[in-house]
Amino acid sequence: MTTTLQPPATAAAPAAPRRHRPAARRRSTPLTIAMLAALAYFLLPLFWLLVASTKGTQDLINSFGLWFSDAPQLLANIKATFTQDDGVFVDWLLNTAVYAVVSAVGAALLAAAAGYGFAKFRFRGDRAAFNLVLGAIMVPATALAIPTYLLFAKVGLVNTPWAIILPSLVNPFGLYLMRIYAADAVPDSLLEAARIDGAGEARIFFRIALRLLAPGLVTVLLFTLVATWNNYFLPLIMLNDPQLYPITVGLSSWAAQAQNGGGGASSDMLPLVVTGSLISIVPLVIAFLLLQRYWQSGLATGGVKQ
């Protein structure tokens, strides 16, 4: 009887690692159509404003609104806008910049400090105070304009820049946003380590917490900047001197002249109003482009669990 020797069993070769293929991008036709409709909704008014700024009075009335005329005059309209009424548009532009920047920076710092305090400190009545802030969000700003005017008239601040800046410093929504953001963006362990090292609360806030709150701070700053830049009703009732007008009220006065003036020089005010509106949005676009990297850096905050 013969036996055959079989070769020893060898270990199975390890399977080659599977390569993960990138998932195919899913395309949704209804979603694409909805996004294109939303894009057109936001960009179409800007395109009309750009086109209308290149036209004269007759072209604004007689030509197609969504396309350029045969004789564009954008540079002439810009020059006329800046030289009308001895260059008062420049004053309006500078006034608006001062009102918006001072209000935005002040409101952002106050919201950051208050939001940080509500998020990281416990005191008697903190929940009631925060609920009061939430209730203030529901109150429309126009409902407070008349009481604010009466209050400022008592202290002699009507027809001054402070009548625009001081009310804009109060931002309940910004406080709420910073409170939610500070709860996750500022670790309690970092604050305790700073206290153990002997740092005071003010130093901790300005040297540590404020840097961590930068993306939320920029968000509040942008919201307040846009709101103050576009504010119309408050300056309308607070200011009487045209030299103190912001762009919104100033362009409104030009529009009133264009509507009530009939023929003559007043009929040429309409292109200036449109061109001034185009110029007024350029600083806001620049602000968003300069600050968007600080804004985007906070989108992933809280995505990694510690």
C-alpha atoms as a PDB file:
ATOM      1  CA  MET A   1       0.000   0.000   0.000  1.00  0.00           C
ATOM      2  CA  THR A   2       1.515   3.190  -1.104  1.00  0.00           C
ATOM      3  CA  THR A   3       0.867   6.571   0.351  1.00  0.00           C
ATOM      4  CA  THR A   4       1.174   9.788  -1.523  1.00  0.00           C
ATOM      5  CA  LEU A   5       2.674  12.734   0.186  1.00  0.00           C
ATOM      6  CA  GLN A   6       0.650  15.868  -0.197  1.00  0.00           C
ATOM      7  CA  PRO A   7       2.321  19.222  -0.083  1.00  0.00           C
ATOM      8  CA  PRO A   8       1.779  21.068   3.149  1.00  0.00           C
ATOM      9  CA  ALA A   9      -1.111  23.439   3.163  1.00  0.00           C
ATOM     10  CA  THR A  10      -0.076  26.991   2.661  1.00  0.00           C
ATOM     11  CA  ALA A  11      -1.775  29.974   4.186  1.00  0.00           C
ATOM     12  CA  ALA A  12      -4.194  31.715   1.916  1.00  0.00           C
ATOM     13  CA  ALA A  13      -2.797  34.842   0.367  1.00  0.00           C
ATOM     14  CA  PRO A  14      -4.301  37.982   1.858  1.00  0.00           C
ATOM     15  CA  ALA A  15      -6.954  39.511  -0.261  1.00  0.00           C
ATOM     16  CA  ALA A  16      -6.017  42.690  -2.020  1.00  0.00           C
ATOM     17  CA  PRO A  17      -7.475  45.722  -0.310  1.00  0.00           C
ATOM     18  CA  ARG A  18     -10.529  47.022  -1.990  1.00  0.00           C
ATOM     19  CA  ARG A  19     -10.277  50.411  -3.448  1.00  0.00           C
ATOM     20  CA  HIS A  20     -13.127  52.618  -2.516  1.00  0.00           C
ATOM     21  CA  ARG A  21     -14.491  54.201  -5.566  1.00  0.00           C
ATOM     22  CA  PRO A  22     -15.773  57.696  -5.127  1.00  0.00           C
ATOM     23  CA  ALA A  23     -19.514  57.715  -4.980  1.00  0.00           C
ATOM     24  CA  ALA A  24     -21.117  58.994  -8.105  1.00  0.00           C
ATOM     25  CA  ARG A  25     -22.523  62.441  -7.758  1.00  0.00           C
ATOM     26  CA  ARG A  26     -26.242  62.401  -7.551  1.00  0.00           C
ATOM     27  CA  ARG A  27     -28.056  64.846  -9.722  1.00  0.00           C
ATOM     28  CA  SER A  28     -31.563  65.983  -9.103  1.00  0.00           C
ATOM     29  CA  THR A  29     -33.301  67.831 -11.886  1.00  0.00           C
ATOM     30  CA  PRO A  30     -35.980  69.450  -9.647  1.00  0.00           C
ATOM     31  CA  LEU A  31     -33.301  70.584  -7.178  1.00  0.00           C
ATOM     32  CA  THR A  32     -31.200  72.020  -9.994  1.00  0.00           C
ATOM     33  CA  ILE A  33     -34.184  73.922 -11.354  1.00  0.00           C
ATOM     34  CA  ALA A  34     -34.986  75.240  -7.866  1.00  0.00           C
ATOM     35  CA  MET A  35     -31.391  76.417  -7.360  1.00  0.00           C
ATOM     36  CA  LEU A  36     -31.348  78.141 -10.753  1.00  0.00           C
ATOM     37  CA  ALA A  37     -34.641  79.853  -9.916  1.00  0.00           C
ATOM     38  CA  ALA A  38     -33.235  81.047  -6.571  1.00  0.00           C
ATOM     39  CA  LEU A  39     -30.066  82.264  -8.320  1.00  0.00           C
ATOM     40  CA  ALA A  40     -32.121  84.224 -10.826  1.00  0.00           C
ATOM     41  CA  TYR A  41     -34.278  85.649  -8.036  1.00  0.00           C
ATOM     42  CA  PHE A  42     -31.232  87.112  -6.268  1.00  0.00           C
ATOM     43  CA  LEU A  43     -29.142  88.147  -9.272  1.00  0.00           C
ATOM     44  CA  LEU A  44     -31.820  89.533 -11.575  1.00  0.00           C
ATOM     45  CA  PRO A  45     -32.414  92.749  -9.544  1.00  0.00           C
ATOM     46  CA  LEU A  46     -28.653  93.357  -9.430  1.00  0.00           C
ATOM     47  CA  PHE A  47     -28.400  92.846 -13.170  1.00  0.00           C
ATOM     48  CA  TRP A  48     -31.287  95.263 -13.752  1.00  0.00           C
ATOM     49  CA  LEU A  49     -29.588  97.826 -11.502  1.00  0.00           C
ATOM     50  CA  LEU A  50     -26.335  97.499 -13.450  1.00  0.00           C
ATOM     51  CA  VAL A  51     -28.128  97.838 -16.780  1.00  0.00           C
ATOM     52  CA  ALA A  52     -30.278 100.762 -15.629  1.00  0.00           C
ATOM     53  CA  SER A  53     -27.211 102.641 -14.383  1.00  0.00           C
ATOM     54  CA  THR A  54     -25.928 102.864 -17.951  1.00  0.00           C
ATOM     55  CA  LYS A  55     -29.040 104.616 -19.262  1.00  0.00           C
ATOM     56  CA  GLY A  56     -30.335 108.134 -19.436  1.00  0.00           C
ATOM     57  CA  THR A  57     -33.825 109.258 -18.515  1.00  0.00           C
ATOM     58  CA  GLN A  58     -35.421 108.519 -21.864  1.00  0.00           C
ATOM     59  CA  ASP A  59     -33.760 105.113 -22.157  1.00  0.00           C
ATOM     60  CA  LEU A  60     -34.964 104.171 -18.676  1.00  0.00           C
ATOM     61  CA  ILE A  61     -38.520 104.846 -19.761  1.00  0.00           C
ATOM     62  CA  ASN A  62     -38.555 103.661 -23.366  1.00  0.00           C
ATOM     63  CA  SER A  63     -35.953 100.871 -23.692  1.00  0.00           C
ATOM     64  CA  PHE A  64     -36.088  97.241 -22.565  1.00  0.00           C
ATOM     65  CA  GLY A  65     -35.263  97.074 -18.871  1.00  0.00           C
ATOM     66  CA  LEU A  66     -33.036  94.001 -18.903  1.00  0.00           C
ATOM     67  CA  TRP A  67     -30.633  95.025 -21.622  1.00  0.00           C
ATOM     68  CA  PHE A  68     -28.268  97.873 -22.379  1.00  0.00           C
ATOM     69  CA  SER A  69     -29.189 100.823 -24.565  1.00  0.00           C
ATOM     70  CA  ASP A  70     -27.462 101.791 -27.777  1.00  0.00           C
ATOM     71  CA  ALA A  71     -25.664 104.685 -26.073  1.00  0.00           C
ATOM     72  CA  PRO A  72     -24.496 103.561 -22.588  1.00  0.00           C
ATOM     73  CA  GLN A  73     -23.451 106.374 -20.267  1.00  0.00           C
ATOM     74  CA  LEU A  74     -22.388 104.725 -17.024  1.00  0.00           C
ATOM     75  CA  LEU A  75     -19.342 106.942 -16.491  1.00  0.00           C
ATOM     76  CA  ALA A  76     -21.377 110.077 -17.176  1.00  0.00           C
ATOM     77  CA  ASN A  77     -24.019 108.957 -14.671  1.00  0.00           C
ATOM     78  CA  ILE A  78     -21.370 108.230 -12.016  1.00  0.00           C
ATOM     79  CA  LYS A  79     -19.776 111.653 -12.540  1.00  0.00           C
ATOM     80  CA  ALA A  80     -23.159 113.388 -12.356  1.00  0.00           C
ATOM     81  CA  THR A  81     -24.046 111.468  -9.190  1.00  0.00           C
ATOM     82  CA  PHE A  82     -20.903 112.587  -7.378  1.00  0.00           C
ATOM     83  CA  THR A  83     -21.177 116.209  -8.523  1.00  0.00           C
ATOM     84  CA  GLN A  84     -24.924 116.760  -8.028  1.00  0.00           C
ATOM     85  CA  ASP A  85     -25.783 119.372  -5.370  1.00  0.00           C
ATOM     86  CA  ASP A  86     -22.130 120.250  -4.741  1.00  0.00           C
ATOM     87  CA  GLY A  87     -21.122 116.635  -4.139  1.00  0.00           C
ATOM     88  CA  VAL A  88     -23.612 115.890  -1.370  1.00  0.00           C
ATOM     89  CA  PHE A  89     -23.620 112.210  -2.401  1.00  0.00           C
ATOM     90  CA  VAL A  90     -20.056 111.910  -1.090  1.00  0.00           C
ATOM     91  CA  ASP A  91     -21.243 113.219   2.280  1.00  0.00           C
ATOM     92  CA  TRP A  92     -24.067 110.691   2.298  1.00  0.00           C
ATOM     93  CA  LEU A  93     -21.658 107.887   1.459  1.00  0.00           C
ATOM     94  CA  LEU A  94     -19.236 108.881   4.231  1.00  0.00           C
ATOM     95  CA  ASN A  95     -22.079 109.292   6.724  1.00  0.00           C
ATOM     96  CA  THR A  96     -23.397 105.838   5.912  1.00  0.00           C
ATOM     97  CA  ALA A  97     -19.933 104.312   6.268  1.00  0.00           C
ATOM     98  CA  VAL A  98     -19.427 105.935   9.674  1.00  0.00           C
ATOM     99  CA  TYR A  99     -22.878 104.942  10.947  1.00  0.00           C
ATOM    100  CA  ALA A 100     -22.562 101.358   9.696  1.00  0.00           C
ATOM    101  CA  VAL A 101     -18.967 100.656  10.729  1.00  0.00           C
ATOM    102  CA  VAL A 102     -19.219 102.161  14.218  1.00  0.00           C
ATOM    103  CA  SER A 103     -22.561 100.480  14.833  1.00  0.00           C
ATOM    104  CA  ALA A 104     -21.399  97.113  13.488  1.00  0.00           C
ATOM    105  CA  VAL A 105     -18.175  97.020  15.510  1.00  0.00           C
ATOM    106  CA  GLY A 106     -19.876  98.207  18.680  1.00  0.00           C
ATOM    107  CA  ALA A 107     -22.854  95.866  18.329  1.00  0.00           C
ATOM    108  CA  ALA A 108     -20.583  92.885  17.597  1.00  0.00           C
ATOM    109  CA  LEU A 109     -18.402  93.531  20.665  1.00  0.00           C
ATOM    110  CA  LEU A 110     -21.398  94.064  22.948  1.00  0.00           C
ATOM    111  CA  ALA A 111     -23.110  90.938  21.614  1.00  0.00           C
ATOM    112  CA  ALA A 112     -19.926  88.900  22.027  1.00  0.00           C
ATOM    113  CA  ALA A 113     -19.413  90.066  25.621  1.00  0.00           C
ATOM    114  CA  ALA A 114     -23.039  89.513  26.601  1.00  0.00           C
ATOM    115  CA  GLY A 115     -23.282  86.182  24.778  1.00  0.00           C
ATOM    116  CA  TYR A 116     -20.073  84.971  26.410  1.00  0.00           C
ATOM    117  CA  GLY A 117     -21.377  86.017  29.812  1.00  0.00           C
ATOM    118  CA  PHE A 118     -24.674  84.184  29.375  1.00  0.00           C
ATOM    119  CA  ALA A 119     -22.895  81.065  28.084  1.00  0.00           C
ATOM    120  CA  LYS A 120     -20.070  80.755  30.632  1.00  0.00           C
ATOM    121  CA  PHE A 121     -21.371  82.347  33.843  1.00  0.00           C
ATOM    122  CA  ARG A 122     -24.285  81.494  36.085  1.00  0.00           C
ATOM    123  CA  PHE A 123     -25.981  84.193  38.105  1.00  0.00           C
ATOM    124  CA  ARG A 124     -29.338  84.834  39.657  1.00  0.00           C
ATOM    125  CA  GLY A 125     -31.923  85.627  37.018  1.00  0.00           C
ATOM    126  CA  ASP A 126     -29.771  84.612  34.050  1.00  0.00           C
ATOM    127  CA  ARG A 127     -32.528  82.541  32.442  1.00  0.00           C
ATOM    128  CA  ALA A 128     -35.109  85.273  32.891  1.00  0.00           C
ATOM    129  CA  ALA A 129     -32.737  87.847  31.402  1.00  0.00           C
ATOM    130  CA  PHE A 130     -31.976  85.610  28.429  1.00  0.00           C
ATOM    131  CA  ASN A 131     -35.681  84.966  27.867  1.00  0.00           C
ATOM    132  CA  LEU A 132     -36.161  88.728  27.859  1.00  0.00           C
ATOM    133  CA  VAL A 133     -33.567  88.934  25.090  1.00  0.00           C
ATOM    134  CA  LEU A 134     -35.441  86.286  23.110  1.00  0.00           C
ATOM    135  CA  GLY A 135     -38.631  88.283  23.523  1.00  0.00           C
ATOM    136  CA  ALA A 136     -36.887  91.414  22.278  1.00  0.00           C
ATOM    137  CA  ILE A 137     -36.073  89.627  19.017  1.00  0.00           C
ATOM    138  CA  MET A 138     -39.785  89.426  18.262  1.00  0.00           C
ATOM    139  CA  VAL A 139     -40.287  93.197  18.532  1.00  0.00           C
ATOM    140  CA  PRO A 140     -39.946  94.896  15.102  1.00  0.00           C
ATOM    141  CA  ALA A 141     -37.507  97.773  14.951  1.00  0.00           C
ATOM    142  CA  THR A 142     -40.096 100.102  13.413  1.00  0.00           C
ATOM    143  CA  ALA A 143     -42.283  99.736  16.515  1.00  0.00           C
ATOM    144  CA  LEU A 144     -39.454 101.180  18.624  1.00  0.00           C
ATOM    145  CA  ALA A 145     -38.589 104.059  16.291  1.00  0.00           C
ATOM    146  CA  ILE A 146     -41.117 106.573  17.674  1.00  0.00           C
ATOM    147  CA  PRO A 147     -40.376 105.832  21.367  1.00  0.00           C
ATOM    148  CA  THR A 148     -36.668 106.076  20.575  1.00  0.00           C
ATOM    149  CA  TYR A 149     -37.210 109.437  18.908  1.00  0.00           C
ATOM    150  CA  LEU A 150     -39.117 110.781  21.927  1.00  0.00           C
ATOM    151  CA  LEU A 151     -36.389 109.544  24.271  1.00  0.00           C
ATOM    152  CA  PHE A 152     -33.580 111.049  22.213  1.00  0.00           C
ATOM    153  CA  ALA A 153     -35.489 114.323  21.864  1.00  0.00           C
ATOM    154  CA  LYS A 154     -35.526 114.613  25.671  1.00  0.00           C
ATOM    155  CA  VAL A 155     -31.737 114.326  25.874  1.00  0.00           C
ATOM    156  CA  GLY A 156     -31.017 116.463  22.799  1.00  0.00           C
ATOM    157  CA  LEU A 157     -29.553 113.782  20.532  1.00  0.00           C
ATOM    158  CA  VAL A 158     -32.002 114.211  17.649  1.00  0.00           C
ATOM    159  CA  ASN A 159     -30.354 115.321  14.387  1.00  0.00           C
ATOM    160  CA  THR A 160     -26.958 114.017  15.500  1.00  0.00           C
ATOM    161  CA  PRO A 161     -24.982 110.924  14.405  1.00  0.00           C
ATOM    162  CA  TRP A 162     -25.575 109.385  17.845  1.00  0.00           C
ATOM    163  CA  ALA A 163     -29.273 109.146  17.050  1.00  0.00           C
ATOM    164  CA  ILE A 164     -28.372 106.519  14.434  1.00  0.00           C
ATOM    165  CA  ILE A 165     -25.419 104.819  16.135  1.00  0.00           C
ATOM    166  CA  LEU A 166     -26.758 104.254  19.658  1.00  0.00           C
ATOM    167  CA  PRO A 167     -29.962 102.391  18.693  1.00  0.00           C
ATOM    168  CA  SER A 168     -27.968 100.237  16.275  1.00  0.00           C
ATOM    169  CA  LEU A 169     -25.682  99.031  19.067  1.00  0.00           C
ATOM    170  CA  VAL A 170     -28.530  96.988  20.565  1.00  0.00           C
ATOM    171  CA  ASN A 171     -28.780  93.702  18.678  1.00  0.00           C
ATOM    172  CA  PRO A 172     -30.821  91.020  20.507  1.00  0.00           C
ATOM    173  CA  PHE A 173     -30.449  88.507  17.690  1.00  0.00           C
ATOM    174  CA  GLY A 174     -26.676  89.010  17.691  1.00  0.00           C
ATOM    175  CA  LEU A 175     -26.590  88.402  21.447  1.00  0.00           C
ATOM    176  CA  TYR A 176     -28.595  85.204  21.038  1.00  0.00           C
ATOM    177  CA  LEU A 177     -26.312  84.044  18.227  1.00  0.00           C
ATOM    178  CA  MET A 178     -23.147  84.735  20.220  1.00  0.00           C
ATOM    179  CA  ARG A 179     -24.527  82.960  23.277  1.00  0.00           C
ATOM    180  CA  ILE A 180     -25.168  79.792  21.255  1.00  0.00           C
ATOM    181  CA  TYR A 181     -21.794  80.064  19.532  1.00  0.00           C
ATOM    182  CA  ALA A 182     -19.796  80.736  22.708  1.00  0.00           C
ATOM    183  CA  ALA A 183     -21.255  77.678  24.442  1.00  0.00           C
ATOM    184  CA  ASP A 184     -19.450  75.390  21.952  1.00  0.00           C
ATOM    185  CA  ALA A 185     -16.549  77.473  20.677  1.00  0.00           C
ATOM    186  CA  VAL A 186     -14.987  78.319  24.057  1.00  0.00           C
ATOM    187  CA  PRO A 187     -14.020  75.188  26.068  1.00  0.00           C
ATOM    188  CA  ASP A 188     -14.566  75.390  29.824  1.00  0.00           C
ATOM    189  CA  SER A 189     -11.277  73.565  30.415  1.00  0.00           C
ATOM    190  CA  LEU A 190      -9.387  76.351  28.650  1.00  0.00           C
ATOM    191  CA  LEU A 191     -11.020  78.976  30.830  1.00  0.00           C
ATOM    192  CA  GLU A 192     -10.216  77.025  34.000  1.00  0.00           C
ATOM    193  CA  ALA A 193      -6.586  76.670  32.931  1.00  0.00           C
ATOM    194  CA  ALA A 194      -6.376  80.426  32.369  1.00  0.00           C
ATOM    195  CA  ARG A 195      -7.891  81.106  35.798  1.00  0.00           C
ATOM    196  CA  ILE A 196      -5.407  78.729  37.463  1.00  0.00           C
ATOM    197  CA  ASP A 197      -2.581  80.633  35.768  1.00  0.00           C
ATOM    198  CA  GLY A 198      -3.874  83.811  37.403  1.00  0.00           C
ATOM    199  CA  ALA A 199      -5.550  85.525  34.447  1.00  0.00           C
ATOM    200  CA  GLY A 200      -8.445  87.832  35.247  1.00  0.00           C
ATOM    201  CA  GLU A 201     -11.842  87.535  33.610  1.00  0.00           C
ATOM    202  CA  ALA A 202     -11.336  90.596  31.416  1.00  0.00           C
ATOM    203  CA  ARG A 203      -7.984  89.301  30.189  1.00  0.00           C
ATOM    204  CA  ILE A 204      -9.464  85.866  29.513  1.00  0.00           C
ATOM    205  CA  PHE A 205     -12.225  87.389  27.438  1.00  0.00           C
ATOM    206  CA  PHE A 206     -10.090  89.740  25.339  1.00  0.00           C
ATOM    207  CA  ARG A 207      -7.027  87.498  24.959  1.00  0.00           C
ATOM    208  CA  ILE A 208      -8.614  84.036  24.666  1.00  0.00           C
ATOM    209  CA  ALA A 209     -12.376  83.973  24.250  1.00  0.00           C
ATOM    210  CA  LEU A 210     -12.613  86.820  21.758  1.00  0.00           C
ATOM    211  CA  ARG A 211     -10.214  85.067  19.369  1.00  0.00           C
ATOM    212  CA  LEU A 212     -12.236  81.858  19.533  1.00  0.00           C
ATOM    213  CA  LEU A 213     -15.415  83.843  18.932  1.00  0.00           C
ATOM    214  CA  ALA A 214     -14.026  85.555  15.812  1.00  0.00           C
ATOM    215  CA  PRO A 215     -16.226  83.717  13.239  1.00  0.00           C
ATOM    216  CA  GLY A 216     -19.401  84.421  15.214  1.00  0.00           C
ATOM    217  CA  LEU A 217     -18.219  87.977  15.821  1.00  0.00           C
ATOM    218  CA  VAL A 218     -17.789  88.525  12.080  1.00  0.00           C
ATOM    219  CA  THR A 219     -21.264  87.104  11.452  1.00  0.00           C
ATOM    220  CA  VAL A 220     -22.880  89.574  13.831  1.00  0.00           C
ATOM    221  CA  LEU A 221     -20.731  92.361  12.408  1.00  0.00           C
ATOM    222  CA  LEU A 222     -21.883  91.626   8.858  1.00  0.00           C
ATOM    223  CA  PHE A 223     -25.545  91.401   9.856  1.00  0.00           C
ATOM    224  CA  THR A 224     -25.386  94.700  11.733  1.00  0.00           C
ATOM    225  CA  LEU A 225     -23.372  96.344   8.959  1.00  0.00           C
ATOM    226  CA  VAL A 226     -25.968  95.458   6.335  1.00  0.00           C
ATOM    227  CA  ALA A 227     -28.893  96.387   8.599  1.00  0.00           C
ATOM    228  CA  THR A 228     -27.442  99.802   9.465  1.00  0.00           C
ATOM    229  CA  TRP A 229     -26.302 100.486   5.901  1.00  0.00           C
ATOM    230  CA  ASN A 230     -29.813  99.814   4.572  1.00  0.00           C
ATOM    231  CA  ASN A 231     -31.660 101.438   7.470  1.00  0.00           C
ATOM    232  CA  TYR A 232     -34.154 103.977   6.224  1.00  0.00           C
ATOM    233  CA  PHE A 233     -36.941 104.612   8.733  1.00  0.00           C
ATOM    234  CA  LEU A 234     -34.767 105.486  11.752  1.00  0.00           C
ATOM    235  CA  PRO A 235     -32.622 108.110   9.942  1.00  0.00           C
ATOM    236  CA  LEU A 236     -35.763 109.477   8.287  1.00  0.00           C
ATOM    237  CA  ILE A 237     -37.328 110.455  11.617  1.00  0.00           C
ATOM    238  CA  MET A 238     -34.102 111.260  13.475  1.00  0.00           C
ATOM    239  CA  LEU A 239     -32.286 113.519  10.995  1.00  0.00           C
ATOM    240  CA  ASN A 240     -33.320 116.859   9.556  1.00  0.00           C
ATOM    241  CA  ASP A 241     -30.013 118.092   8.132  1.00  0.00           C
ATOM    242  CA  PRO A 242     -29.321 116.779   4.577  1.00  0.00           C
ATOM    243  CA  GLN A 243     -25.611 116.873   5.359  1.00  0.00           C
ATOM    244  CA  LEU A 244     -26.190 114.111   7.944  1.00  0.00           C
ATOM    245  CA  TYR A 245     -28.341 111.897   5.730  1.00  0.00           C
ATOM    246  CA  PRO A 246     -27.251 108.353   4.947  1.00  0.00           C
ATOM    247  CA  ILE A 247     -27.504 107.054   1.401  1.00  0.00           C
ATOM    248  CA  THR A 248     -30.979 105.602   1.861  1.00  0.00           C
ATOM    249  CA  VAL A 249     -32.613 108.861   2.928  1.00  0.00           C
ATOM    250  CA  GLY A 250     -30.529 110.947   0.526  1.00  0.00           C
ATOM    251  CA  LEU A 251     -31.463 108.887  -2.515  1.00  0.00           C
ATOM    252  CA  SER A 252     -35.077 108.958  -1.359  1.00  0.00           C
ATOM    253  CA  SER A 253     -35.003 112.765  -1.415  1.00  0.00           C
ATOM    254  CA  TRP A 254     -33.609 112.684  -4.955  1.00  0.00           C
ATOM    255  CA  ALA A 255     -36.314 110.238  -5.981  1.00  0.00           C
ATOM    256  CA  ALA A 256     -38.949 112.602  -4.582  1.00  0.00           C
ATOM    257  CA  GLN A 257     -37.477 115.411  -6.683  1.00  0.00           C
ATOM    258  CA  ALA A 258     -37.585 113.182  -9.781  1.00  0.00           C
ATOM    259  CA  GLN A 259     -41.254 112.344  -9.201  1.00  0.00           C
ATOM    260  CA  ASN A 260     -42.504 115.790  -8.236  1.00  0.00           C
ATOM    261  CA  GLY A 261     -40.264 117.968 -10.364  1.00  0.00           C
ATOM    262  CA  GLY A 262     -41.845 117.243 -13.725  1.00  0.00           C
ATOM    263  CA  GLY A 263     -39.689 118.339 -16.618  1.00  0.00           C
ATOM    264  CA  GLY A 264     -36.471 120.291 -16.628  1.00  0.00           C
ATOM    265  CA  ALA A 265     -33.487 119.482 -14.456  1.00  0.00           C
ATOM    266  CA  SER A 266     -35.522 117.393 -12.027  1.00  0.00           C
ATOM    267  CA  SER A 267     -36.327 114.877 -14.754  1.00  0.00           C
ATOM    268  CA  ASP A 268     -32.631 113.987 -14.934  1.00  0.00           C
ATOM    269  CA  MET A 269     -32.592 112.882 -11.280  1.00  0.00           C
ATOM    270  CA  LEU A 270     -33.891 109.382 -11.984  1.00  0.00           C
ATOM    271  CA  PRO A 271     -30.632 108.074 -13.529  1.00  0.00           C
ATOM    272  CA  LEU A 272     -28.745 109.550 -10.564  1.00  0.00           C
ATOM    273  CA  VAL A 273     -30.953 107.664  -8.109  1.00  0.00           C
ATOM    274  CA  VAL A 274     -30.369 104.388  -9.943  1.00  0.00           C
ATOM    275  CA  THR A 275     -26.628 104.976 -10.272  1.00  0.00           C
ATOM    276  CA  GLY A 276     -26.366 105.999  -6.632  1.00  0.00           C
ATOM    277  CA  SER A 277     -28.113 102.777  -5.646  1.00  0.00           C
ATOM    278  CA  LEU A 278     -25.549 100.785  -7.618  1.00  0.00           C
ATOM    279  CA  ILE A 279     -22.661 102.620  -5.993  1.00  0.00           C
ATOM    280  CA  SER A 280     -24.151 102.092  -2.532  1.00  0.00           C
ATOM    281  CA  ILE A 281     -23.995  98.284  -2.755  1.00  0.00           C
ATOM    282  CA  VAL A 282     -20.334  98.172  -3.802  1.00  0.00           C
ATOM    283  CA  PRO A 283     -18.955  98.678  -0.235  1.00  0.00           C
ATOM    284  CA  LEU A 284     -21.186  95.871   1.065  1.00  0.00           C
ATOM    285  CA  VAL A 285     -19.899  93.484  -1.600  1.00  0.00           C
ATOM    286  CA  ILE A 286     -16.315  94.409  -0.727  1.00  0.00           C
ATOM    287  CA  ALA A 287     -16.999  93.856   2.975  1.00  0.00           C
ATOM    288  CA  PHE A 288     -18.391  90.379   2.337  1.00  0.00           C
ATOM    289  CA  LEU A 289     -15.448  89.450   0.126  1.00  0.00           C
ATOM    290  CA  LEU A 290     -12.912  90.617   2.711  1.00  0.00           C
ATOM    291  CA  LEU A 291     -14.601  88.992   5.718  1.00  0.00           C
ATOM    292  CA  GLN A 292     -15.879  85.744   4.204  1.00  0.00           C
ATOM    293  CA  ARG A 293     -12.749  83.771   5.136  1.00  0.00           C
ATOM    294  CA  TYR A 294     -13.313  84.577   8.807  1.00  0.00           C
ATOM    295  CA  TRP A 295     -16.954  83.632   8.406  1.00  0.00           C
ATOM    296  CA  GLN A 296     -16.246  80.324   6.662  1.00  0.00           C
ATOM    297  CA  SER A 297     -13.618  79.313   9.230  1.00  0.00           C
ATOM    298  CA  GLY A 298     -16.327  78.881  11.837  1.00  0.00           C
ATOM    299  CA  LEU A 299     -18.624  76.648   9.813  1.00  0.00           C
ATOM    300  CA  ALA A 300     -16.873  73.474  11.085  1.00  0.00           C
ATOM    301  CA  THR A 301     -16.789  74.603  14.703  1.00  0.00           C
ATOM    302  CA  GLY A 302     -18.287  71.872  16.856  1.00  0.00           C
ATOM    303  CA  GLY A 303     -17.961  69.261  14.106  1.00  0.00           C
ATOM    304  CA  VAL A 304     -15.202  67.423  16.048  1.00  0.00           C
ATOM    305  CA  LYS A 305     -16.262  66.102  19.422  1.00  0.00           C
ATOM    306  CA  GLN A 306     -13.716  66.622  22.172  1.00  0.00           C
END
